[in-house]
Amino acid sequence: MTTPEQHDRYEVAPGALGGPEPQSYPMPVTGALAWWIGFVYLVPVPIVSQIVSWVAPVVTHLRLRPAGGFAAEVSRQAANWQLTFATLTIGGALVLVLPAALISALSHDHEGVAVMIGLGVWFTVVVVAGIATIVHMVLGGTKAGRGEVHRPWGSIPFFKPVA
């Protein structure tokens, strides 16, 4: 048996000096961007970053939807979860804080206990939903990279499956 040294031949890795050119393959579109783009809401720009994190997955899904397939399903799940988070945040404020503020304003008790309870419940809902959103974004992005679809439990189906 002979070795490469005996033949004055060494194998050179692709891309190394003197070696063959590396072959490039296009990256498959997985739709994972729809999950990862949601981390924009952690940027400390109070309202703008939150709105962008809700809208960006929806735009990503609307761009991937016509092609169908795996990427469209991943982006659909991401868009549905971000819209669910938006519904909990905005809807929770309307359902919990606004009535409490009205009750407090119309009553003779000006201590605002009802407003504070409404704000406390709303804040708790938003914090729990925010933590769940971070978990779902990490799970969704990593599963999409592995070729799996993450289906978050409890998300509202705003977008129907692509046929």
N, C-alpha and C. Protein backbone atom coordinates (compact mmCIF):
# COMPACT_ATOMS: atom_id res chain seq x y z
N MET A 1 0.85 -1.18 0.00
CA MET A 1 0.00 0.00 0.00
C MET A 1 0.89 1.24 0.00
N THR A 2 0.51 2.20 -0.79
CA THR A 2 1.32 3.42 -0.89
C THR A 2 0.59 4.58 -0.24
N THR A 3 1.35 5.57 0.16
CA THR A 3 0.78 6.77 0.78
C THR A 3 0.91 7.93 -0.19
N PRO A 4 0.14 9.02 0.02
CA PRO A 4 0.24 10.18 -0.86
C PRO A 4 1.65 10.77 -0.90
N GLU A 5 2.39 10.68 0.20
CA GLU A 5 3.75 11.21 0.22
C GLU A 5 4.65 10.49 -0.78
N GLN A 6 4.40 9.21 -0.98
CA GLN A 6 5.23 8.44 -1.89
C GLN A 6 4.99 8.83 -3.34
N HIS A 7 3.87 9.42 -3.64
CA HIS A 7 3.54 9.83 -5.01
C HIS A 7 3.68 11.32 -5.21
N ASP A 8 4.14 12.04 -4.21
CA ASP A 8 4.23 13.50 -4.24
C ASP A 8 2.88 14.15 -4.54
N ARG A 9 1.83 13.53 -4.09
CA ARG A 9 0.47 14.04 -4.28
C ARG A 9 -0.18 14.22 -2.92
N TYR A 10 -0.73 15.38 -2.71
CA TYR A 10 -1.48 15.62 -1.48
C TYR A 10 -2.85 16.12 -1.89
N GLU A 11 -3.85 15.68 -1.19
CA GLU A 11 -5.19 16.19 -1.47
C GLU A 11 -5.34 17.53 -0.78
N VAL A 12 -5.84 18.50 -1.51
CA VAL A 12 -6.03 19.85 -0.99
C VAL A 12 -7.51 20.11 -0.86
N ALA A 13 -7.88 20.66 0.27
CA ALA A 13 -9.30 20.93 0.51
C ALA A 13 -9.82 21.98 -0.46
N PRO A 14 -11.08 21.86 -0.85
CA PRO A 14 -11.66 22.86 -1.74
C PRO A 14 -11.61 24.25 -1.10
N GLY A 15 -11.17 25.22 -1.87
CA GLY A 15 -11.07 26.59 -1.38
C GLY A 15 -9.72 26.93 -0.80
N ALA A 16 -8.89 25.92 -0.51
CA ALA A 16 -7.55 26.17 0.01
C ALA A 16 -6.64 26.60 -1.13
N LEU A 17 -5.56 27.22 -0.79
CA LEU A 17 -4.60 27.68 -1.79
C LEU A 17 -4.08 26.49 -2.60
N GLY A 18 -4.28 26.55 -3.89
CA GLY A 18 -3.84 25.46 -4.76
C GLY A 18 -4.88 24.36 -4.92
N GLY A 19 -5.97 24.47 -4.24
CA GLY A 19 -7.02 23.45 -4.32
C GLY A 19 -8.11 23.84 -5.29
N PRO A 20 -9.03 22.96 -5.50
CA PRO A 20 -10.14 23.28 -6.41
C PRO A 20 -11.05 24.35 -5.81
N GLU A 21 -11.76 25.02 -6.67
CA GLU A 21 -12.71 26.04 -6.23
C GLU A 21 -13.86 25.35 -5.49
N PRO A 22 -14.31 25.94 -4.37
CA PRO A 22 -15.44 25.33 -3.68
C PRO A 22 -16.72 25.50 -4.49
N GLN A 23 -17.57 24.50 -4.41
CA GLN A 23 -18.84 24.59 -5.13
C GLN A 23 -19.85 25.29 -4.23
N SER A 24 -20.59 26.17 -4.81
CA SER A 24 -21.60 26.87 -4.02
C SER A 24 -22.98 26.37 -4.43
N TYR A 25 -23.78 26.16 -3.44
CA TYR A 25 -25.15 25.72 -3.65
C TYR A 25 -26.07 26.77 -3.06
N PRO A 26 -27.17 27.07 -3.74
CA PRO A 26 -28.09 28.06 -3.17
C PRO A 26 -28.71 27.53 -1.88
N MET A 27 -28.84 28.41 -0.91
CA MET A 27 -29.47 28.03 0.35
C MET A 27 -30.96 27.82 0.11
N PRO A 28 -31.52 26.75 0.65
CA PRO A 28 -32.95 26.54 0.47
C PRO A 28 -33.75 27.56 1.29
N VAL A 29 -34.86 27.97 0.76
CA VAL A 29 -35.74 28.89 1.47
C VAL A 29 -36.57 28.06 2.45
N THR A 30 -36.36 28.32 3.74
CA THR A 30 -37.05 27.54 4.76
C THR A 30 -38.17 28.31 5.44
N GLY A 31 -38.19 29.61 5.29
CA GLY A 31 -39.18 30.42 5.98
C GLY A 31 -38.79 30.76 7.41
N ALA A 32 -37.59 30.34 7.84
CA ALA A 32 -37.14 30.59 9.20
C ALA A 32 -37.02 32.09 9.49
N LEU A 33 -36.79 32.88 8.45
CA LEU A 33 -36.69 34.33 8.64
C LEU A 33 -37.96 34.89 9.27
N ALA A 34 -39.10 34.31 8.95
CA ALA A 34 -40.36 34.78 9.52
C ALA A 34 -40.37 34.63 11.04
N TRP A 35 -39.70 33.61 11.55
CA TRP A 35 -39.58 33.46 13.01
C TRP A 35 -38.52 34.39 13.57
N TRP A 36 -37.32 34.41 12.96
CA TRP A 36 -36.21 35.18 13.52
C TRP A 36 -36.46 36.68 13.47
N ILE A 37 -37.21 37.16 12.49
CA ILE A 37 -37.46 38.60 12.37
C ILE A 37 -38.28 39.13 13.55
N GLY A 38 -38.96 38.23 14.24
CA GLY A 38 -39.75 38.64 15.40
C GLY A 38 -38.92 39.20 16.54
N PHE A 39 -37.60 38.91 16.56
CA PHE A 39 -36.74 39.43 17.61
C PHE A 39 -36.56 40.94 17.52
N VAL A 40 -37.09 41.55 16.47
CA VAL A 40 -37.04 43.01 16.36
C VAL A 40 -37.75 43.65 17.55
N TYR A 41 -38.72 42.94 18.12
CA TYR A 41 -39.46 43.55 19.21
C TYR A 41 -38.62 43.73 20.47
N LEU A 42 -37.43 43.15 20.52
CA LEU A 42 -36.53 43.37 21.64
C LEU A 42 -35.69 44.63 21.49
N VAL A 43 -35.75 45.27 20.32
CA VAL A 43 -35.05 46.54 20.12
C VAL A 43 -35.76 47.60 20.98
N PRO A 44 -35.00 48.39 21.73
CA PRO A 44 -35.64 49.31 22.68
C PRO A 44 -36.22 50.58 22.05
N VAL A 45 -37.07 50.41 21.06
CA VAL A 45 -37.83 51.53 20.51
C VAL A 45 -39.29 51.18 20.80
N PRO A 46 -39.89 51.80 21.83
CA PRO A 46 -41.11 51.29 22.43
C PRO A 46 -42.22 50.78 21.53
N ILE A 47 -42.78 51.57 20.68
CA ILE A 47 -43.96 51.12 19.93
C ILE A 47 -43.58 50.65 18.53
N VAL A 48 -42.62 51.31 17.92
CA VAL A 48 -42.24 51.01 16.55
C VAL A 48 -41.70 49.59 16.41
N SER A 49 -40.81 49.18 17.30
CA SER A 49 -40.24 47.85 17.19
C SER A 49 -41.30 46.77 17.36
N GLN A 50 -42.26 47.01 18.22
CA GLN A 50 -43.33 46.03 18.41
C GLN A 50 -44.18 45.90 17.16
N ILE A 51 -44.53 47.01 16.56
CA ILE A 51 -45.35 46.97 15.34
C ILE A 51 -44.58 46.30 14.21
N VAL A 52 -43.29 46.60 14.07
CA VAL A 52 -42.48 45.97 13.03
C VAL A 52 -42.40 44.46 13.25
N SER A 53 -42.27 44.04 14.51
CA SER A 53 -42.18 42.60 14.78
C SER A 53 -43.50 41.89 14.51
N TRP A 54 -44.60 42.60 14.52
CA TRP A 54 -45.88 41.99 14.18
C TRP A 54 -46.10 41.98 12.67
N VAL A 55 -45.67 43.03 12.00
CA VAL A 55 -45.94 43.16 10.56
C VAL A 55 -44.96 42.36 9.71
N ALA A 56 -43.69 42.31 10.11
CA ALA A 56 -42.66 41.66 9.28
C ALA A 56 -42.94 40.17 9.00
N PRO A 57 -43.36 39.36 9.98
CA PRO A 57 -43.69 37.96 9.64
C PRO A 57 -44.90 37.85 8.70
N VAL A 58 -45.83 38.77 8.83
CA VAL A 58 -47.00 38.74 7.93
C VAL A 58 -46.56 39.05 6.50
N VAL A 59 -45.70 40.06 6.34
CA VAL A 59 -45.20 40.40 5.00
C VAL A 59 -44.39 39.24 4.44
N THR A 60 -43.56 38.62 5.28
CA THR A 60 -42.77 37.46 4.83
C THR A 60 -43.69 36.34 4.37
N HIS A 61 -44.75 36.09 5.12
CA HIS A 61 -45.69 35.04 4.72
C HIS A 61 -46.40 35.40 3.42
N LEU A 62 -46.80 36.63 3.27
CA LEU A 62 -47.50 37.02 2.04
C LEU A 62 -46.59 36.89 0.82
N ARG A 63 -45.28 37.06 1.02
CA ARG A 63 -44.34 36.89 -0.11
C ARG A 63 -44.07 35.42 -0.41
N LEU A 64 -44.08 34.56 0.61
CA LEU A 64 -43.78 33.14 0.41
C LEU A 64 -45.02 32.30 0.09
N ARG A 65 -46.19 32.83 0.39
CA ARG A 65 -47.44 32.07 0.22
C ARG A 65 -47.70 31.62 -1.21
N PRO A 66 -47.48 32.45 -2.24
CA PRO A 66 -47.80 32.00 -3.60
C PRO A 66 -47.00 30.78 -4.04
N ALA A 67 -45.77 30.63 -3.56
CA ALA A 67 -44.96 29.48 -3.95
C ALA A 67 -45.43 28.21 -3.25
N GLY A 68 -46.05 28.36 -2.08
CA GLY A 68 -46.51 27.20 -1.33
C GLY A 68 -45.35 26.41 -0.75
N GLY A 69 -45.64 25.23 -0.27
CA GLY A 69 -44.60 24.35 0.23
C GLY A 69 -44.21 24.61 1.67
N PHE A 70 -43.04 24.11 2.01
CA PHE A 70 -42.54 24.14 3.38
C PHE A 70 -42.35 25.57 3.90
N ALA A 71 -41.72 26.42 3.12
CA ALA A 71 -41.45 27.79 3.57
C ALA A 71 -42.75 28.56 3.82
N ALA A 72 -43.75 28.33 3.00
CA ALA A 72 -45.03 29.01 3.20
C ALA A 72 -45.70 28.56 4.49
N GLU A 73 -45.59 27.28 4.82
CA GLU A 73 -46.19 26.77 6.05
C GLU A 73 -45.45 27.30 7.28
N VAL A 74 -44.13 27.34 7.22
CA VAL A 74 -43.36 27.88 8.35
C VAL A 74 -43.69 29.35 8.56
N SER A 75 -43.73 30.12 7.48
CA SER A 75 -44.03 31.54 7.62
C SER A 75 -45.47 31.77 8.05
N ARG A 76 -46.37 30.87 7.67
CA ARG A 76 -47.77 30.98 8.11
C ARG A 76 -47.87 30.80 9.61
N GLN A 77 -47.16 29.82 10.15
CA GLN A 77 -47.18 29.60 11.60
C GLN A 77 -46.60 30.80 12.35
N ALA A 78 -45.51 31.37 11.81
CA ALA A 78 -44.89 32.54 12.45
C ALA A 78 -45.83 33.74 12.41
N ALA A 79 -46.45 33.97 11.27
CA ALA A 79 -47.37 35.10 11.14
C ALA A 79 -48.58 34.92 12.06
N ASN A 80 -49.12 33.71 12.13
CA ASN A 80 -50.25 33.46 13.02
C ASN A 80 -49.88 33.72 14.47
N TRP A 81 -48.68 33.29 14.89
CA TRP A 81 -48.31 33.52 16.29
C TRP A 81 -48.09 35.00 16.57
N GLN A 82 -47.43 35.73 15.67
CA GLN A 82 -47.19 37.15 15.92
C GLN A 82 -48.51 37.93 15.95
N LEU A 83 -49.46 37.55 15.10
CA LEU A 83 -50.77 38.22 15.14
C LEU A 83 -51.53 37.84 16.41
N THR A 84 -51.34 36.63 16.91
CA THR A 84 -51.94 36.24 18.19
C THR A 84 -51.36 37.09 19.31
N PHE A 85 -50.04 37.28 19.29
CA PHE A 85 -49.38 38.12 20.30
C PHE A 85 -49.89 39.56 20.21
N ALA A 86 -50.07 40.07 19.00
CA ALA A 86 -50.60 41.42 18.82
C ALA A 86 -52.03 41.52 19.36
N THR A 87 -52.82 40.49 19.12
CA THR A 87 -54.20 40.47 19.61
C THR A 87 -54.24 40.46 21.13
N LEU A 88 -53.36 39.67 21.75
CA LEU A 88 -53.31 39.64 23.21
C LEU A 88 -52.88 40.99 23.78
N THR A 89 -51.93 41.63 23.13
CA THR A 89 -51.43 42.90 23.64
C THR A 89 -52.46 44.02 23.48
N ILE A 90 -52.95 44.19 22.27
CA ILE A 90 -53.89 45.29 22.01
C ILE A 90 -55.27 44.96 22.56
N GLY A 91 -55.74 43.75 22.30
CA GLY A 91 -57.06 43.35 22.81
C GLY A 91 -57.10 43.31 24.32
N GLY A 92 -56.01 42.86 24.94
CA GLY A 92 -55.96 42.84 26.40
C GLY A 92 -56.05 44.23 26.99
N ALA A 93 -55.41 45.19 26.34
CA ALA A 93 -55.48 46.58 26.81
C ALA A 93 -56.91 47.11 26.69
N LEU A 94 -57.56 46.77 25.60
CA LEU A 94 -58.94 47.24 25.41
C LEU A 94 -59.92 46.57 26.35
N VAL A 95 -59.70 45.29 26.62
CA VAL A 95 -60.65 44.53 27.45
C VAL A 95 -60.40 44.74 28.94
N LEU A 96 -59.16 44.86 29.35
CA LEU A 96 -58.85 44.94 30.78
C LEU A 96 -58.65 46.35 31.30
N VAL A 97 -57.91 47.18 30.58
CA VAL A 97 -57.54 48.49 31.10
C VAL A 97 -58.62 49.54 30.84
N LEU A 98 -59.17 49.56 29.64
CA LEU A 98 -60.15 50.60 29.31
C LEU A 98 -61.40 50.54 30.19
N PRO A 99 -62.03 49.38 30.38
CA PRO A 99 -63.19 49.36 31.29
C PRO A 99 -62.83 49.73 32.72
N ALA A 100 -61.65 49.31 33.17
CA ALA A 100 -61.23 49.66 34.52
C ALA A 100 -61.04 51.16 34.66
N ALA A 101 -60.49 51.80 33.63
CA ALA A 101 -60.32 53.25 33.68
C ALA A 101 -61.68 53.95 33.69
N LEU A 102 -62.63 53.44 32.92
CA LEU A 102 -63.97 54.04 32.91
C LEU A 102 -64.66 53.88 34.25
N ILE A 103 -64.56 52.70 34.84
CA ILE A 103 -65.19 52.46 36.15
C ILE A 103 -64.57 53.39 37.19
N SER A 104 -63.27 53.51 37.15
CA SER A 104 -62.58 54.36 38.12
C SER A 104 -62.94 55.84 37.92
N ALA A 105 -63.09 56.25 36.67
CA ALA A 105 -63.40 57.66 36.40
C ALA A 105 -64.84 58.00 36.78
N LEU A 106 -65.75 57.05 36.62
CA LEU A 106 -67.16 57.31 36.91
C LEU A 106 -67.52 57.12 38.38
N SER A 107 -66.66 56.45 39.12
CA SER A 107 -66.97 56.21 40.53
C SER A 107 -66.47 57.38 41.38
N HIS A 108 -66.88 57.38 42.62
CA HIS A 108 -66.45 58.43 43.54
C HIS A 108 -65.11 58.10 44.17
N ASP A 109 -64.65 56.88 43.96
CA ASP A 109 -63.35 56.46 44.49
C ASP A 109 -62.28 56.84 43.49
N HIS A 110 -61.51 57.83 43.79
CA HIS A 110 -60.50 58.32 42.85
C HIS A 110 -59.12 57.73 43.10
N GLU A 111 -59.07 56.64 43.84
CA GLU A 111 -57.77 56.03 44.11
C GLU A 111 -57.27 55.22 42.91
N GLY A 112 -58.14 54.86 42.03
CA GLY A 112 -57.74 54.14 40.82
C GLY A 112 -57.36 52.69 41.06
N VAL A 113 -57.99 52.06 42.04
CA VAL A 113 -57.68 50.66 42.33
C VAL A 113 -58.06 49.78 41.14
N ALA A 114 -59.18 50.07 40.53
CA ALA A 114 -59.62 49.25 39.39
C ALA A 114 -58.64 49.38 38.23
N VAL A 115 -58.12 50.57 38.01
CA VAL A 115 -57.15 50.78 36.93
C VAL A 115 -55.87 50.01 37.21
N MET A 116 -55.43 50.05 38.47
CA MET A 116 -54.20 49.35 38.82
C MET A 116 -54.36 47.84 38.69
N ILE A 117 -55.52 47.31 39.05
CA ILE A 117 -55.76 45.87 38.90
C ILE A 117 -55.82 45.51 37.41
N GLY A 118 -56.52 46.32 36.62
CA GLY A 118 -56.57 46.09 35.17
C GLY A 118 -55.20 46.15 34.53
N LEU A 119 -54.40 47.14 34.91
CA LEU A 119 -53.04 47.24 34.38
C LEU A 119 -52.18 46.07 34.81
N GLY A 120 -52.34 45.63 36.05
CA GLY A 120 -51.57 44.50 36.54
C GLY A 120 -51.88 43.22 35.80
N VAL A 121 -53.17 42.96 35.58
CA VAL A 121 -53.56 41.76 34.84
C VAL A 121 -53.08 41.85 33.39
N TRP A 122 -53.25 43.01 32.77
CA TRP A 122 -52.80 43.18 31.38
C TRP A 122 -51.28 43.01 31.27
N PHE A 123 -50.54 43.60 32.19
CA PHE A 123 -49.09 43.49 32.18
C PHE A 123 -48.66 42.03 32.33
N THR A 124 -49.33 41.30 33.21
CA THR A 124 -49.01 39.88 33.39
C THR A 124 -49.28 39.09 32.12
N VAL A 125 -50.40 39.35 31.48
CA VAL A 125 -50.73 38.66 30.22
C VAL A 125 -49.68 38.96 29.15
N VAL A 126 -49.28 40.22 29.03
CA VAL A 126 -48.31 40.61 28.00
C VAL A 126 -46.93 40.02 28.30
N VAL A 127 -46.53 39.99 29.56
CA VAL A 127 -45.22 39.41 29.90
C VAL A 127 -45.20 37.91 29.61
N VAL A 128 -46.25 37.21 30.01
CA VAL A 128 -46.31 35.76 29.75
C VAL A 128 -46.34 35.50 28.25
N ALA A 129 -47.13 36.27 27.51
CA ALA A 129 -47.18 36.10 26.05
C ALA A 129 -45.84 36.47 25.41
N GLY A 130 -45.14 37.47 25.95
CA GLY A 130 -43.83 37.85 25.43
C GLY A 130 -42.79 36.76 25.63
N ILE A 131 -42.81 36.13 26.80
CA ILE A 131 -41.89 35.02 27.05
C ILE A 131 -42.22 33.85 26.14
N ALA A 132 -43.52 33.57 25.98
CA ALA A 132 -43.93 32.49 25.07
C ALA A 132 -43.52 32.81 23.64
N THR A 133 -43.56 34.08 23.26
CA THR A 133 -43.15 34.49 21.92
C THR A 133 -41.67 34.24 21.70
N ILE A 134 -40.85 34.56 22.68
CA ILE A 134 -39.41 34.31 22.54
C ILE A 134 -39.16 32.82 22.40
N VAL A 135 -39.82 32.00 23.21
CA VAL A 135 -39.65 30.55 23.12
C VAL A 135 -40.09 30.04 21.76
N HIS A 136 -41.24 30.51 21.28
CA HIS A 136 -41.74 30.06 19.97
C HIS A 136 -40.83 30.52 18.83
N MET A 137 -40.25 31.73 18.94
CA MET A 137 -39.36 32.19 17.87
C MET A 137 -38.10 31.33 17.80
N VAL A 138 -37.54 30.99 18.94
CA VAL A 138 -36.35 30.13 18.94
C VAL A 138 -36.69 28.74 18.42
N LEU A 139 -37.78 28.16 18.93
CA LEU A 139 -38.18 26.83 18.47
C LEU A 139 -38.53 26.83 16.98
N GLY A 140 -39.28 27.84 16.55
CA GLY A 140 -39.68 27.92 15.15
C GLY A 140 -38.51 28.09 14.20
N GLY A 141 -37.58 28.97 14.57
CA GLY A 141 -36.41 29.20 13.72
C GLY A 141 -35.49 27.99 13.64
N THR A 142 -35.25 27.35 14.77
CA THR A 142 -34.36 26.18 14.75
C THR A 142 -35.01 24.98 14.07
N LYS A 143 -36.30 24.78 14.31
CA LYS A 143 -36.98 23.67 13.64
C LYS A 143 -37.04 23.89 12.13
N ALA A 144 -37.25 25.12 11.71
CA ALA A 144 -37.29 25.40 10.26
C ALA A 144 -35.93 25.11 9.63
N GLY A 145 -34.86 25.40 10.35
CA GLY A 145 -33.53 25.09 9.85
C GLY A 145 -33.30 23.59 9.71
N ARG A 146 -33.99 22.79 10.52
CA ARG A 146 -33.87 21.33 10.44
C ARG A 146 -34.88 20.71 9.49
N GLY A 147 -35.75 21.54 8.92
CA GLY A 147 -36.74 21.01 7.98
C GLY A 147 -38.05 20.60 8.63
N GLU A 148 -38.32 21.10 9.83
CA GLU A 148 -39.56 20.78 10.54
C GLU A 148 -40.40 22.05 10.69
N VAL A 149 -41.69 21.87 10.88
CA VAL A 149 -42.59 23.00 11.09
C VAL A 149 -42.96 23.06 12.56
N HIS A 150 -42.78 24.23 13.18
CA HIS A 150 -43.18 24.42 14.58
C HIS A 150 -44.59 24.99 14.59
N ARG A 151 -45.48 24.29 15.27
CA ARG A 151 -46.87 24.73 15.38
C ARG A 151 -47.12 25.17 16.82
N PRO A 152 -47.11 26.48 17.07
CA PRO A 152 -47.30 26.96 18.45
C PRO A 152 -48.70 26.66 18.96
N TRP A 153 -48.75 26.15 20.17
CA TRP A 153 -50.02 25.84 20.78
C TRP A 153 -50.73 27.14 21.15
N GLY A 154 -52.00 27.24 20.84
CA GLY A 154 -52.80 28.40 21.22
C GLY A 154 -52.80 29.55 20.24
N SER A 155 -52.14 29.41 19.11
CA SER A 155 -52.16 30.53 18.16
C SER A 155 -53.48 30.56 17.40
N ILE A 156 -53.92 31.75 17.10
CA ILE A 156 -55.18 31.93 16.38
C ILE A 156 -54.88 31.77 14.88
N PRO A 157 -55.64 30.95 14.16
CA PRO A 157 -55.35 30.74 12.74
C PRO A 157 -55.86 31.90 11.86
N PHE A 158 -55.13 32.99 11.82
CA PHE A 158 -55.50 34.12 10.98
C PHE A 158 -55.36 33.77 9.50
N PHE A 159 -54.30 33.00 9.16
CA PHE A 159 -54.09 32.58 7.79
C PHE A 159 -54.38 31.10 7.68
N LYS A 160 -55.12 30.74 6.66
CA LYS A 160 -55.45 29.33 6.40
C LYS A 160 -54.26 28.63 5.78
N PRO A 161 -54.19 27.29 5.90
CA PRO A 161 -53.09 26.56 5.26
C PRO A 161 -53.12 26.72 3.74
N VAL A 162 -51.91 26.70 3.15
CA VAL A 162 -51.77 26.80 1.71
C VAL A 162 -52.16 25.45 1.12
N ALA A 163 -53.04 25.50 0.14
CA ALA A 163 -53.52 24.24 -0.44
C ALA A 163 -52.56 23.67 -1.44
